[in-house]
Every structure is written in structure tokens, then in C-alpha cells.
Amino acid sequence: MLTSNYDELEDRYESAKAELVKLRSQLATERADREEIKNSAPIAIGVEFPEPAVILSQLRTKRKKSKADLADIEVILELLES
């Protein structure tokens, strides 16, 4: 009976150890992913945007039927800067 209990404990220990290895691997992956996301995110602090009229002109070059006007672009820039 003592051998049976020892074997059961040893099995539980090995299972827990394998689970710990798996969780550590997942944690390392999550940390790496978080760093990659953080490093690839654009930083808007201190960014200088072009003049609203320039942005509107560029928009109309790419989307000729855009209904945005200069006031819309100004509001968008205010939102980005806040």
C-alpha cells in the first residue's frame, strides 16, 4: 500500500511538473507577444500632423467621392491630439 501511495504521489508530481513547464512556456509566449505589440504600436505623443487642408487634399486624391470637409478633418485631428 505504501508503494501504491508513493507511485500515485510521484505521478501527481510529474503531472504537476509538466503542467508547470507548459504554463511557463505560455507565459513566455504571452510576454513576447505583449512586447511585440507594445513595440509596434505607433506613439502619437509629440507627433506633428500635417495641416488639415493638406490631409483633406490627400483624402480627395485617394477617395474622390469622400463627403468629408475641412471641419471634419479638423475635428479628427483634435481627437487624435487629445
N, C-alpha and C. Protein backbone atom coordinates (compact mmCIF):
# COMPACT_ATOMS: atom_id res chain seq x y z
N MET A 1 0.82 -1.19 0.00
CA MET A 1 0.00 0.00 0.00
C MET A 1 0.87 1.26 0.00
N LEU A 2 1.96 1.24 0.74
CA LEU A 2 2.87 2.37 0.78
C LEU A 2 3.46 2.64 -0.60
N THR A 3 3.80 1.58 -1.31
CA THR A 3 4.34 1.72 -2.67
C THR A 3 3.30 2.31 -3.59
N SER A 4 2.06 1.92 -3.42
CA SER A 4 0.96 2.44 -4.24
C SER A 4 0.79 3.94 -4.01
N ASN A 5 0.82 4.36 -2.75
CA ASN A 5 0.70 5.79 -2.43
C ASN A 5 1.89 6.58 -3.00
N TYR A 6 3.07 6.00 -2.88
CA TYR A 6 4.26 6.66 -3.41
C TYR A 6 4.16 6.82 -4.93
N ASP A 7 3.72 5.77 -5.61
CA ASP A 7 3.59 5.83 -7.07
C ASP A 7 2.55 6.88 -7.48
N GLU A 8 1.46 6.93 -6.73
CA GLU A 8 0.41 7.91 -7.03
C GLU A 8 0.94 9.34 -6.82
N LEU A 9 1.66 9.55 -5.74
CA LEU A 9 2.24 10.87 -5.49
C LEU A 9 3.27 11.24 -6.55
N GLU A 10 4.05 10.26 -6.94
CA GLU A 10 5.05 10.51 -7.98
C GLU A 10 4.38 10.87 -9.30
N ASP A 11 3.28 10.19 -9.63
CA ASP A 11 2.53 10.51 -10.86
C ASP A 11 1.96 11.93 -10.79
N ARG A 12 1.42 12.28 -9.64
CA ARG A 12 0.87 13.63 -9.46
C ARG A 12 1.97 14.68 -9.59
N TYR A 13 3.11 14.39 -9.00
CA TYR A 13 4.24 15.31 -9.06
C TYR A 13 4.69 15.51 -10.51
N GLU A 14 4.82 14.43 -11.25
CA GLU A 14 5.25 14.53 -12.65
C GLU A 14 4.22 15.28 -13.48
N SER A 15 2.96 15.04 -13.20
CA SER A 15 1.89 15.74 -13.93
C SER A 15 1.93 17.24 -13.62
N ALA A 16 2.09 17.58 -12.35
CA ALA A 16 2.16 18.98 -11.95
C ALA A 16 3.40 19.65 -12.55
N LYS A 17 4.49 18.92 -12.58
CA LYS A 17 5.72 19.46 -13.16
C LYS A 17 5.55 19.74 -14.65
N ALA A 18 4.90 18.81 -15.35
CA ALA A 18 4.65 19.00 -16.78
C ALA A 18 3.72 20.20 -17.01
N GLU A 19 2.72 20.34 -16.16
CA GLU A 19 1.80 21.47 -16.27
C GLU A 19 2.54 22.78 -16.02
N LEU A 20 3.44 22.80 -15.07
CA LEU A 20 4.24 24.00 -14.77
C LEU A 20 5.11 24.38 -15.96
N VAL A 21 5.72 23.42 -16.61
CA VAL A 21 6.54 23.67 -17.79
C VAL A 21 5.68 24.28 -18.90
N LYS A 22 4.48 23.72 -19.07
CA LYS A 22 3.56 24.21 -20.09
C LYS A 22 3.14 25.65 -19.79
N LEU A 23 2.79 25.93 -18.54
CA LEU A 23 2.37 27.28 -18.15
C LEU A 23 3.51 28.29 -18.29
N ARG A 24 4.72 27.89 -17.96
CA ARG A 24 5.87 28.79 -18.12
C ARG A 24 6.11 29.12 -19.59
N SER A 25 5.91 28.13 -20.44
CA SER A 25 6.06 28.35 -21.88
C SER A 25 5.00 29.32 -22.39
N GLN A 26 3.76 29.13 -21.93
CA GLN A 26 2.68 30.04 -22.32
C GLN A 26 2.96 31.46 -21.84
N LEU A 27 3.45 31.58 -20.62
CA LEU A 27 3.77 32.89 -20.07
C LEU A 27 4.85 33.58 -20.89
N ALA A 28 5.87 32.84 -21.26
CA ALA A 28 6.95 33.41 -22.08
C ALA A 28 6.41 33.88 -23.43
N THR A 29 5.52 33.08 -24.02
CA THR A 29 4.92 33.46 -25.30
C THR A 29 4.08 34.71 -25.15
N GLU A 30 3.27 34.78 -24.10
CA GLU A 30 2.43 35.95 -23.86
C GLU A 30 3.28 37.20 -23.64
N ARG A 31 4.34 37.07 -22.89
CA ARG A 31 5.22 38.22 -22.66
C ARG A 31 5.86 38.70 -23.96
N ALA A 32 6.30 37.75 -24.77
CA ALA A 32 6.91 38.12 -26.05
C ALA A 32 5.89 38.81 -26.96
N ASP A 33 4.66 38.27 -26.98
CA ASP A 33 3.61 38.89 -27.78
C ASP A 33 3.31 40.30 -27.30
N ARG A 34 3.24 40.48 -25.99
CA ARG A 34 2.94 41.80 -25.43
C ARG A 34 4.04 42.79 -25.80
N GLU A 35 5.29 42.37 -25.71
CA GLU A 35 6.40 43.26 -26.08
C GLU A 35 6.34 43.63 -27.55
N GLU A 36 6.01 42.64 -28.39
CA GLU A 36 5.94 42.90 -29.83
C GLU A 36 4.83 43.91 -30.13
N ILE A 37 3.69 43.75 -29.46
CA ILE A 37 2.58 44.68 -29.66
C ILE A 37 2.97 46.07 -29.18
N LYS A 38 3.58 46.13 -28.01
CA LYS A 38 3.98 47.42 -27.44
C LYS A 38 5.00 48.11 -28.34
N ASN A 39 5.93 47.35 -28.89
CA ASN A 39 6.98 47.94 -29.73
C ASN A 39 6.47 48.34 -31.11
N SER A 40 5.39 47.71 -31.58
CA SER A 40 4.90 48.02 -32.91
C SER A 40 3.80 49.07 -32.89
N ALA A 41 3.28 49.42 -31.70
CA ALA A 41 2.21 50.41 -31.61
C ALA A 41 2.77 51.80 -31.90
N PRO A 42 2.06 52.55 -32.73
CA PRO A 42 2.53 53.90 -33.01
C PRO A 42 2.38 54.78 -31.77
N ILE A 43 3.30 55.68 -31.59
CA ILE A 43 3.25 56.59 -30.45
C ILE A 43 2.84 57.95 -30.99
N ALA A 44 1.69 58.43 -30.52
CA ALA A 44 1.15 59.69 -31.02
C ALA A 44 1.62 60.89 -30.21
N ILE A 45 2.36 60.65 -29.16
CA ILE A 45 2.82 61.75 -28.32
C ILE A 45 3.89 62.54 -29.07
N GLY A 46 3.66 63.81 -29.20
CA GLY A 46 4.64 64.66 -29.85
C GLY A 46 4.63 64.56 -31.37
N VAL A 47 3.64 63.89 -31.93
CA VAL A 47 3.57 63.74 -33.38
C VAL A 47 3.00 65.02 -33.98
N GLU A 48 3.63 65.49 -35.01
CA GLU A 48 3.15 66.66 -35.73
C GLU A 48 2.34 66.19 -36.93
N PHE A 49 1.08 66.59 -36.97
CA PHE A 49 0.23 66.23 -38.10
C PHE A 49 0.30 67.32 -39.16
N PRO A 50 0.08 66.93 -40.41
CA PRO A 50 0.03 67.95 -41.47
C PRO A 50 -1.17 68.87 -41.25
N GLU A 51 -1.18 69.96 -41.96
CA GLU A 51 -2.31 70.88 -41.88
C GLU A 51 -3.59 70.18 -42.35
N PRO A 52 -4.73 70.51 -41.77
CA PRO A 52 -5.99 69.88 -42.16
C PRO A 52 -6.27 69.97 -43.66
N ALA A 53 -5.95 71.09 -44.27
CA ALA A 53 -6.19 71.25 -45.71
C ALA A 53 -5.35 70.26 -46.52
N VAL A 54 -4.13 70.00 -46.07
CA VAL A 54 -3.26 69.04 -46.77
C VAL A 54 -3.85 67.64 -46.65
N ILE A 55 -4.32 67.30 -45.46
CA ILE A 55 -4.92 65.98 -45.26
C ILE A 55 -6.18 65.84 -46.11
N LEU A 56 -7.00 66.88 -46.16
CA LEU A 56 -8.22 66.84 -46.97
C LEU A 56 -7.87 66.66 -48.45
N SER A 57 -6.85 67.34 -48.89
CA SER A 57 -6.41 67.21 -50.28
C SER A 57 -5.95 65.78 -50.58
N GLN A 58 -5.19 65.20 -49.65
CA GLN A 58 -4.73 63.82 -49.83
C GLN A 58 -5.90 62.85 -49.83
N LEU A 59 -6.88 63.10 -48.96
CA LEU A 59 -8.06 62.25 -48.92
C LEU A 59 -8.81 62.31 -50.24
N ARG A 60 -8.99 63.50 -50.75
CA ARG A 60 -9.73 63.64 -52.01
C ARG A 60 -8.97 63.04 -53.20
N THR A 61 -7.65 62.98 -53.09
CA THR A 61 -6.86 62.33 -54.13
C THR A 61 -7.13 60.83 -54.15
N LYS A 62 -7.27 60.26 -52.95
CA LYS A 62 -7.48 58.81 -52.86
C LYS A 62 -8.95 58.41 -52.95
N ARG A 63 -9.82 59.27 -52.44
CA ARG A 63 -11.25 58.97 -52.43
C ARG A 63 -12.00 60.18 -52.96
N LYS A 64 -12.15 60.23 -54.25
CA LYS A 64 -12.71 61.40 -54.90
C LYS A 64 -14.13 61.73 -54.45
N LYS A 65 -14.90 60.72 -54.05
CA LYS A 65 -16.29 60.95 -53.66
C LYS A 65 -16.47 61.11 -52.15
N SER A 66 -15.39 61.31 -51.43
CA SER A 66 -15.49 61.47 -49.99
C SER A 66 -16.30 62.71 -49.64
N LYS A 67 -17.18 62.57 -48.66
CA LYS A 67 -18.02 63.68 -48.26
C LYS A 67 -17.42 64.47 -47.09
N ALA A 68 -16.23 64.10 -46.66
CA ALA A 68 -15.57 64.82 -45.55
C ALA A 68 -15.21 66.22 -46.01
N ASP A 69 -15.33 67.17 -45.08
CA ASP A 69 -14.91 68.53 -45.40
C ASP A 69 -13.81 68.96 -44.42
N LEU A 70 -13.36 70.18 -44.58
CA LEU A 70 -12.25 70.67 -43.77
C LEU A 70 -12.58 70.65 -42.28
N ALA A 71 -13.80 70.96 -41.91
CA ALA A 71 -14.20 70.94 -40.50
C ALA A 71 -14.12 69.52 -39.94
N ASP A 72 -14.50 68.53 -40.74
CA ASP A 72 -14.40 67.13 -40.30
C ASP A 72 -12.95 66.75 -40.02
N ILE A 73 -12.06 67.15 -40.91
CA ILE A 73 -10.64 66.83 -40.74
C ILE A 73 -10.09 67.51 -39.49
N GLU A 74 -10.50 68.76 -39.25
CA GLU A 74 -10.03 69.46 -38.05
C GLU A 74 -10.48 68.75 -36.77
N VAL A 75 -11.72 68.27 -36.77
CA VAL A 75 -12.23 67.55 -35.59
C VAL A 75 -11.47 66.24 -35.41
N ILE A 76 -11.21 65.55 -36.49
CA ILE A 76 -10.46 64.29 -36.41
C ILE A 76 -9.07 64.53 -35.82
N LEU A 77 -8.40 65.58 -36.28
CA LEU A 77 -7.08 65.90 -35.76
C LEU A 77 -7.13 66.28 -34.28
N GLU A 78 -8.15 67.01 -33.88
CA GLU A 78 -8.31 67.33 -32.46
C GLU A 78 -8.47 66.06 -31.62
N LEU A 79 -9.24 65.11 -32.13
CA LEU A 79 -9.44 63.85 -31.42
C LEU A 79 -8.13 63.07 -31.31
N LEU A 80 -7.36 63.07 -32.36
CA LEU A 80 -6.08 62.35 -32.34
C LEU A 80 -5.09 63.00 -31.40
N GLU A 81 -5.14 64.31 -31.28
CA GLU A 81 -4.18 65.01 -30.44
C GLU A 81 -4.54 64.96 -28.95
N SER A 82 -5.79 64.64 -28.65
CA SER A 82 -6.19 64.60 -27.23
C SER A 82 -5.98 63.23 -26.60
